[in-house]
């Protein structure tokens, strides 16, 4: 059984203690270290090279978004689970653009943390159910307000496959291998689906897939 090494970063001792308790209950998890601010989280991640960093989005000295960006830039193999009190799309998108793999609301962390860590360690996305619900409601309101139709129906079956794999964090090379296609063909499908859905970046693809229930 693979051991997943976890770095916990939160400036509140009680919250860190709660996170530590959840992690300690999992036989395949181990707490590699703890940080109480963003700058310390970056330094410890560089030193300890954990598999997953569980990090509060708001921390002193260096906020979680910037700390996440620095960690992911220096340690591409280390994934980040972002903790937040905010479920609106702007916060989620900022976290994804910084490189976070999962986004958890603090009030559901006890129930969802273990699943989020495992998903992130496997390179998959994970969101609190309440986040997915808010994103879907925002999306439906946007469709109603603009009178637009759901453009997902415009995608071909292959484009839908590629959409899910991109949202799961797989590279074009990995998708090409999985689907037995050339990288050029995958890139073509990727460009077409993003054009049809009016998406401009991988974080936006991930948010779209969450809204549609394609990924959790």
C-alpha atoms as a PDB file:
ATOM      1  CA  UNK A   1       0.000   0.000   0.000  1.00  0.00           C
ATOM      2  CA  UNK A   2       1.398   3.364  -1.044  1.00  0.00           C
ATOM      3  CA  UNK A   3       1.922   5.874   1.779  1.00  0.00           C
ATOM      4  CA  UNK A   4       0.716   9.402   0.998  1.00  0.00           C
ATOM      5  CA  UNK A   5       2.800  12.060   2.739  1.00  0.00           C
ATOM      6  CA  UNK A   6       0.742  15.127   3.642  1.00  0.00           C
ATOM      7  CA  UNK A   7       1.839  18.637   4.627  1.00  0.00           C
ATOM      8  CA  UNK A   8      -0.792  20.603   6.577  1.00  0.00           C
ATOM      9  CA  UNK A   9      -0.822  24.410   6.299  1.00  0.00           C
ATOM     10  CA  UNK A  10      -3.262  26.548   8.289  1.00  0.00           C
ATOM     11  CA  UNK A  11      -2.687  29.461  10.647  1.00  0.00           C
ATOM     12  CA  UNK A  12      -5.296  28.236  13.163  1.00  0.00           C
ATOM     13  CA  UNK A  13      -3.977  25.618  15.586  1.00  0.00           C
ATOM     14  CA  UNK A  14      -7.418  24.095  16.207  1.00  0.00           C
ATOM     15  CA  UNK A  15      -8.096  23.611  12.497  1.00  0.00           C
ATOM     16  CA  UNK A  16      -4.663  22.070  11.983  1.00  0.00           C
ATOM     17  CA  UNK A  17      -5.321  19.719  14.900  1.00  0.00           C
ATOM     18  CA  UNK A  18      -8.617  18.656  13.306  1.00  0.00           C
ATOM     19  CA  UNK A  19      -6.949  18.071   9.944  1.00  0.00           C
ATOM     20  CA  UNK A  20      -4.164  16.097  11.624  1.00  0.00           C
ATOM     21  CA  UNK A  21      -6.740  13.880  13.327  1.00  0.00           C
ATOM     22  CA  UNK A  22      -8.473  13.093  10.016  1.00  0.00           C
ATOM     23  CA  UNK A  23      -5.152  12.322   8.313  1.00  0.00           C
ATOM     24  CA  UNK A  24      -3.965  10.148  11.235  1.00  0.00           C
ATOM     25  CA  UNK A  25      -7.103   7.991  10.972  1.00  0.00           C
ATOM     26  CA  UNK A  26      -6.132   6.860   7.463  1.00  0.00           C
ATOM     27  CA  UNK A  27      -3.717   3.902   7.406  1.00  0.00           C
ATOM     28  CA  UNK A  28      -2.107   5.048   4.151  1.00  0.00           C
ATOM     29  CA  UNK A  29      -1.603   8.701   5.207  1.00  0.00           C
ATOM     30  CA  UNK A  30       1.215  10.233   7.225  1.00  0.00           C
ATOM     31  CA  UNK A  31       1.626  13.862   8.339  1.00  0.00           C
ATOM     32  CA  UNK A  32       4.981  14.934   6.897  1.00  0.00           C
ATOM     33  CA  UNK A  33       4.895  18.372   8.510  1.00  0.00           C
ATOM     34  CA  UNK A  34       2.823  21.381   9.527  1.00  0.00           C
ATOM     35  CA  UNK A  35       2.999  25.064   8.593  1.00  0.00           C
ATOM     36  CA  UNK A  36       1.241  28.056  10.129  1.00  0.00           C
ATOM     37  CA  UNK A  37       1.685  30.515   7.258  1.00  0.00           C
ATOM     38  CA  UNK A  38       2.122  30.468   3.494  1.00  0.00           C
ATOM     39  CA  UNK A  39       5.825  31.244   3.468  1.00  0.00           C
ATOM     40  CA  UNK A  40       6.536  28.415   5.901  1.00  0.00           C
ATOM     41  CA  UNK A  41       4.399  26.085   3.779  1.00  0.00           C
ATOM     42  CA  UNK A  42       6.514  26.836   0.698  1.00  0.00           C
ATOM     43  CA  UNK A  43       9.765  26.303   2.636  1.00  0.00           C
ATOM     44  CA  UNK A  44       8.590  23.033   4.215  1.00  0.00           C
ATOM     45  CA  UNK A  45       7.239  21.729   0.909  1.00  0.00           C
ATOM     46  CA  UNK A  46      10.643  22.364  -0.686  1.00  0.00           C
ATOM     47  CA  UNK A  47      12.363  20.579   2.198  1.00  0.00           C
ATOM     48  CA  UNK A  48       9.964  17.651   2.731  1.00  0.00           C
ATOM     49  CA  UNK A  49       8.613  17.165  -0.823  1.00  0.00           C
ATOM     50  CA  UNK A  50       5.226  15.825   0.312  1.00  0.00           C
ATOM     51  CA  UNK A  51       2.791  14.114  -2.032  1.00  0.00           C
ATOM     52  CA  UNK A  52      -0.037  16.479  -1.068  1.00  0.00           C
ATOM     53  CA  UNK A  53      -0.237  19.866   0.643  1.00  0.00           C
ATOM     54  CA  UNK A  54      -3.529  20.681   2.395  1.00  0.00           C
ATOM     55  CA  UNK A  55      -3.578  24.460   2.586  1.00  0.00           C
ATOM     56  CA  UNK A  56      -5.871  27.253   3.749  1.00  0.00           C
ATOM     57  CA  UNK A  57      -6.578  29.812   1.023  1.00  0.00           C
ATOM     58  CA  UNK A  58      -6.098  32.711   3.466  1.00  0.00           C
ATOM     59  CA  UNK A  59      -2.905  32.741   5.527  1.00  0.00           C
ATOM     60  CA  UNK A  60      -0.542  35.376   6.936  1.00  0.00           C
ATOM     61  CA  UNK A  61       2.834  36.297   5.379  1.00  0.00           C
ATOM     62  CA  UNK A  62       1.898  34.628   2.076  1.00  0.00           C
ATOM     63  CA  UNK A  63      -1.663  33.727   1.062  1.00  0.00           C
ATOM     64  CA  UNK A  64      -2.618  30.215   0.017  1.00  0.00           C
ATOM     65  CA  UNK A  65      -3.083  31.106  -3.657  1.00  0.00           C
ATOM     66  CA  UNK A  66       0.452  32.473  -4.013  1.00  0.00           C
ATOM     67  CA  UNK A  67       1.920  29.702  -1.845  1.00  0.00           C
ATOM     68  CA  UNK A  68       0.159  27.119  -4.032  1.00  0.00           C
ATOM     69  CA  UNK A  69       1.564  28.744  -7.178  1.00  0.00           C
ATOM     70  CA  UNK A  70       5.109  28.696  -5.797  1.00  0.00           C
ATOM     71  CA  UNK A  71       4.852  25.093  -4.584  1.00  0.00           C
ATOM     72  CA  UNK A  72       3.425  23.793  -7.860  1.00  0.00           C
ATOM     73  CA  UNK A  73       6.033  25.692  -9.879  1.00  0.00           C
ATOM     74  CA  UNK A  74       8.927  24.294  -7.836  1.00  0.00           C
ATOM     75  CA  UNK A  75       7.446  20.821  -7.189  1.00  0.00           C
ATOM     76  CA  UNK A  76       5.224  19.668 -10.086  1.00  0.00           C
ATOM     77  CA  UNK A  77       4.757  16.253  -8.454  1.00  0.00           C
ATOM     78  CA  UNK A  78       3.334  17.756  -5.251  1.00  0.00           C
ATOM     79  CA  UNK A  79      -0.428  18.309  -5.419  1.00  0.00           C
ATOM     80  CA  UNK A  80      -2.410  20.902  -3.455  1.00  0.00           C
ATOM     81  CA  UNK A  81      -5.788  20.580  -1.736  1.00  0.00           C
ATOM     82  CA  UNK A  82      -7.114  24.087  -1.090  1.00  0.00           C
ATOM     83  CA  UNK A  83      -9.265  24.780   1.965  1.00  0.00           C
ATOM     84  CA  UNK A  84     -11.651  27.730   1.884  1.00  0.00           C
ATOM     85  CA  UNK A  85     -14.813  29.188   3.389  1.00  0.00           C
ATOM     86  CA  UNK A  86     -15.815  30.514  -0.052  1.00  0.00           C
ATOM     87  CA  UNK A  87     -17.777  28.487  -2.611  1.00  0.00           C
ATOM     88  CA  UNK A  88     -18.151  31.102  -5.348  1.00  0.00           C
ATOM     89  CA  UNK A  89     -16.592  30.586  -8.744  1.00  0.00           C
ATOM     90  CA  UNK A  90     -14.030  33.408  -8.513  1.00  0.00           C
ATOM     91  CA  UNK A  91     -12.221  31.776  -5.573  1.00  0.00           C
ATOM     92  CA  UNK A  92     -12.356  28.301  -7.134  1.00  0.00           C
ATOM     93  CA  UNK A  93     -10.980  29.563 -10.451  1.00  0.00           C
ATOM     94  CA  UNK A  94      -8.132  31.439  -8.724  1.00  0.00           C
ATOM     95  CA  UNK A  95      -7.180  28.273  -6.826  1.00  0.00           C
ATOM     96  CA  UNK A  96      -7.224  26.164  -9.994  1.00  0.00           C
ATOM     97  CA  UNK A  97      -5.171  28.712 -11.917  1.00  0.00           C
ATOM     98  CA  UNK A  98      -2.610  28.605  -9.103  1.00  0.00           C
ATOM     99  CA  UNK A  99      -2.365  24.829  -9.591  1.00  0.00           C
ATOM    100  CA  UNK A 100      -4.630  23.412  -6.862  1.00  0.00           C
ATOM    101  CA  UNK A 101      -5.966  19.953  -7.656  1.00  0.00           C
ATOM    102  CA  UNK A 102      -8.823  19.926  -5.124  1.00  0.00           C
ATOM    103  CA  UNK A 103     -10.995  22.575  -3.487  1.00  0.00           C
ATOM    104  CA  UNK A 104     -12.677  21.880  -0.153  1.00  0.00           C
ATOM    105  CA  UNK A 105     -15.000  24.002   1.939  1.00  0.00           C
ATOM    106  CA  UNK A 106     -13.868  24.045   5.552  1.00  0.00           C
ATOM    107  CA  UNK A 107     -17.255  22.972   6.869  1.00  0.00           C
ATOM    108  CA  UNK A 108     -17.065  19.742   4.844  1.00  0.00           C
ATOM    109  CA  UNK A 109     -13.357  19.055   5.321  1.00  0.00           C
ATOM    110  CA  UNK A 110     -13.885  16.379   7.974  1.00  0.00           C
ATOM    111  CA  UNK A 111     -16.174  14.379   5.675  1.00  0.00           C
ATOM    112  CA  UNK A 112     -14.329  14.928   2.392  1.00  0.00           C
ATOM    113  CA  UNK A 113     -10.664  15.458   3.251  1.00  0.00           C
ATOM    114  CA  UNK A 114      -9.502  11.845   2.903  1.00  0.00           C
ATOM    115  CA  UNK A 115     -11.183  11.474  -0.517  1.00  0.00           C
ATOM    116  CA  UNK A 116      -9.764  14.812  -1.663  1.00  0.00           C
ATOM    117  CA  UNK A 117      -6.222  13.860  -0.630  1.00  0.00           C
ATOM    118  CA  UNK A 118      -6.427  10.481  -2.379  1.00  0.00           C
ATOM    119  CA  UNK A 119      -7.839  12.058  -5.539  1.00  0.00           C
ATOM    120  CA  UNK A 120      -5.149  14.753  -5.567  1.00  0.00           C
ATOM    121  CA  UNK A 121      -2.388  12.179  -4.964  1.00  0.00           C
ATOM    122  CA  UNK A 122      -3.625  10.358  -8.080  1.00  0.00           C
ATOM    123  CA  UNK A 123      -3.609  13.601 -10.066  1.00  0.00           C
ATOM    124  CA  UNK A 124      -7.415  13.849 -10.112  1.00  0.00           C
ATOM    125  CA  UNK A 125      -9.628  16.817  -9.288  1.00  0.00           C
ATOM    126  CA  UNK A 126     -11.967  16.889  -6.295  1.00  0.00           C
ATOM    127  CA  UNK A 127     -14.461  19.484  -5.080  1.00  0.00           C
ATOM    128  CA  UNK A 128     -16.761  19.710  -2.074  1.00  0.00           C
ATOM    129  CA  UNK A 129     -20.287  18.737  -3.189  1.00  0.00           C
ATOM    130  CA  UNK A 130     -21.522  22.198  -2.180  1.00  0.00           C
ATOM    131  CA  UNK A 131     -18.992  23.803  -4.541  1.00  0.00           C
ATOM    132  CA  UNK A 132     -20.249  21.731  -7.461  1.00  0.00           C
ATOM    133  CA  UNK A 133     -23.826  22.697  -6.577  1.00  0.00           C
ATOM    134  CA  UNK A 134     -23.006  26.428  -6.488  1.00  0.00           C
ATOM    135  CA  UNK A 135     -21.102  26.215  -9.778  1.00  0.00           C
ATOM    136  CA  UNK A 136     -24.020  24.424 -11.431  1.00  0.00           C
ATOM    137  CA  UNK A 137     -26.539  26.977 -10.136  1.00  0.00           C
ATOM    138  CA  UNK A 138     -24.354  29.859 -11.370  1.00  0.00           C
ATOM    139  CA  UNK A 139     -24.035  28.177 -14.743  1.00  0.00           C
ATOM    140  CA  UNK A 140     -27.784  27.606 -15.095  1.00  0.00           C
ATOM    141  CA  UNK A 141     -28.498  31.219 -14.164  1.00  0.00           C
ATOM    142  CA  UNK A 142     -26.019  32.356 -16.803  1.00  0.00           C
ATOM    143  CA  UNK A 143     -27.722  30.212 -19.457  1.00  0.00           C
ATOM    144  CA  UNK A 144     -31.145  31.570 -18.511  1.00  0.00           C
ATOM    145  CA  UNK A 145     -29.941  35.174 -18.438  1.00  0.00           C
ATOM    146  CA  UNK A 146     -28.289  34.997 -21.856  1.00  0.00           C
ATOM    147  CA  UNK A 147     -30.887  32.722 -23.424  1.00  0.00           C
ATOM    148  CA  UNK A 148     -28.061  30.438 -24.518  1.00  0.00           C
ATOM    149  CA  UNK A 149     -28.373  26.708 -25.001  1.00  0.00           C
ATOM    150  CA  UNK A 150     -26.099  24.166 -23.379  1.00  0.00           C
ATOM    151  CA  UNK A 151     -23.264  23.837 -25.862  1.00  0.00           C
ATOM    152  CA  UNK A 152     -22.218  20.429 -24.435  1.00  0.00           C
ATOM    153  CA  UNK A 153     -24.606  18.847 -26.945  1.00  0.00           C
ATOM    154  CA  UNK A 154     -22.446  20.290 -29.737  1.00  0.00           C
ATOM    155  CA  UNK A 155     -19.486  18.138 -28.721  1.00  0.00           C
ATOM    156  CA  UNK A 156     -18.726  14.921 -30.538  1.00  0.00           C
ATOM    157  CA  UNK A 157     -18.343  11.708 -28.474  1.00  0.00           C
ATOM    158  CA  UNK A 158     -14.560  11.911 -28.886  1.00  0.00           C
ATOM    159  CA  UNK A 159     -14.500  15.557 -27.794  1.00  0.00           C
ATOM    160  CA  UNK A 160     -16.466  14.586 -24.688  1.00  0.00           C
ATOM    161  CA  UNK A 161     -13.892  11.916 -23.911  1.00  0.00           C
ATOM    162  CA  UNK A 162     -11.061  14.413 -24.305  1.00  0.00           C
ATOM    163  CA  UNK A 163     -12.953  16.970 -22.210  1.00  0.00           C
ATOM    164  CA  UNK A 164     -13.167  14.562 -19.263  1.00  0.00           C
ATOM    165  CA  UNK A 165      -9.517  13.545 -19.495  1.00  0.00           C
ATOM    166  CA  UNK A 166      -8.341  17.172 -19.694  1.00  0.00           C
ATOM    167  CA  UNK A 167     -10.520  17.998 -16.664  1.00  0.00           C
ATOM    168  CA  UNK A 168      -8.952  15.067 -14.801  1.00  0.00           C
ATOM    169  CA  UNK A 169      -5.566  16.723 -15.287  1.00  0.00           C
ATOM    170  CA  UNK A 170      -4.124  14.491 -17.988  1.00  0.00           C
ATOM    171  CA  UNK A 171      -1.689  15.917 -20.541  1.00  0.00           C
ATOM    172  CA  UNK A 172      -2.211  15.667 -24.295  1.00  0.00           C
ATOM    173  CA  UNK A 173       0.504  13.000 -24.418  1.00  0.00           C
ATOM    174  CA  UNK A 174      -1.258  10.915 -21.735  1.00  0.00           C
ATOM    175  CA  UNK A 175      -4.628  11.322 -23.483  1.00  0.00           C
ATOM    176  CA  UNK A 176      -3.092  10.284 -26.804  1.00  0.00           C
ATOM    177  CA  UNK A 177      -1.754   7.110 -25.196  1.00  0.00           C
ATOM    178  CA  UNK A 178      -5.082   6.297 -23.493  1.00  0.00           C
ATOM    179  CA  UNK A 179      -7.183   6.840 -26.636  1.00  0.00           C
ATOM    180  CA  UNK A 180      -4.618   5.461 -29.088  1.00  0.00           C
ATOM    181  CA  UNK A 181      -4.471   8.763 -30.968  1.00  0.00           C
ATOM    182  CA  UNK A 182      -1.647  11.053 -32.051  1.00  0.00           C
ATOM    183  CA  UNK A 183      -0.830  14.036 -29.857  1.00  0.00           C
ATOM    184  CA  UNK A 184      -1.721  16.298 -32.797  1.00  0.00           C
ATOM    185  CA  UNK A 185      -5.201  14.748 -33.018  1.00  0.00           C
ATOM    186  CA  UNK A 186      -5.737  15.192 -29.284  1.00  0.00           C
ATOM    187  CA  UNK A 187      -4.639  18.828 -29.497  1.00  0.00           C
ATOM    188  CA  UNK A 188      -7.105  19.342 -32.367  1.00  0.00           C
ATOM    189  CA  UNK A 189     -10.004  17.836 -30.355  1.00  0.00           C
ATOM    190  CA  UNK A 190      -8.950  19.906 -27.361  1.00  0.00           C
ATOM    191  CA  UNK A 191      -8.902  23.161 -29.337  1.00  0.00           C
ATOM    192  CA  UNK A 192     -12.277  22.428 -30.940  1.00  0.00           C
ATOM    193  CA  UNK A 193     -14.060  21.565 -27.697  1.00  0.00           C
ATOM    194  CA  UNK A 194     -12.705  24.660 -25.979  1.00  0.00           C
ATOM    195  CA  UNK A 195     -13.863  26.791 -28.904  1.00  0.00           C
ATOM    196  CA  UNK A 196     -17.347  25.220 -28.865  1.00  0.00           C
ATOM    197  CA  UNK A 197     -17.681  25.706 -25.094  1.00  0.00           C
ATOM    198  CA  UNK A 198     -16.064  29.158 -25.127  1.00  0.00           C
ATOM    199  CA  UNK A 199     -13.427  28.087 -22.618  1.00  0.00           C
ATOM    200  CA  UNK A 200      -9.993  29.689 -22.546  1.00  0.00           C
ATOM    201  CA  UNK A 201      -7.928  27.637 -20.082  1.00  0.00           C
ATOM    202  CA  UNK A 202      -7.633  24.253 -18.376  1.00  0.00           C
ATOM    203  CA  UNK A 203      -9.010  25.651 -15.062  1.00  0.00           C
ATOM    204  CA  UNK A 204     -12.127  26.765 -16.958  1.00  0.00           C
ATOM    205  CA  UNK A 205     -12.409  23.276 -18.492  1.00  0.00           C
ATOM    206  CA  UNK A 206     -12.235  21.788 -14.984  1.00  0.00           C
ATOM    207  CA  UNK A 207     -14.946  24.113 -13.678  1.00  0.00           C
ATOM    208  CA  UNK A 208     -17.156  23.291 -16.647  1.00  0.00           C
ATOM    209  CA  UNK A 209     -16.694  19.557 -16.027  1.00  0.00           C
ATOM    210  CA  UNK A 210     -17.620  19.993 -12.358  1.00  0.00           C
ATOM    211  CA  UNK A 211     -20.776  21.892 -13.315  1.00  0.00           C
ATOM    212  CA  UNK A 212     -21.768  19.116 -15.704  1.00  0.00           C
ATOM    213  CA  UNK A 213     -21.059  16.374 -13.158  1.00  0.00           C
ATOM    214  CA  UNK A 214     -18.381  14.910 -15.427  1.00  0.00           C
ATOM    215  CA  UNK A 215     -15.839  14.939 -12.602  1.00  0.00           C
ATOM    216  CA  UNK A 216     -16.380  15.192  -8.838  1.00  0.00           C
END
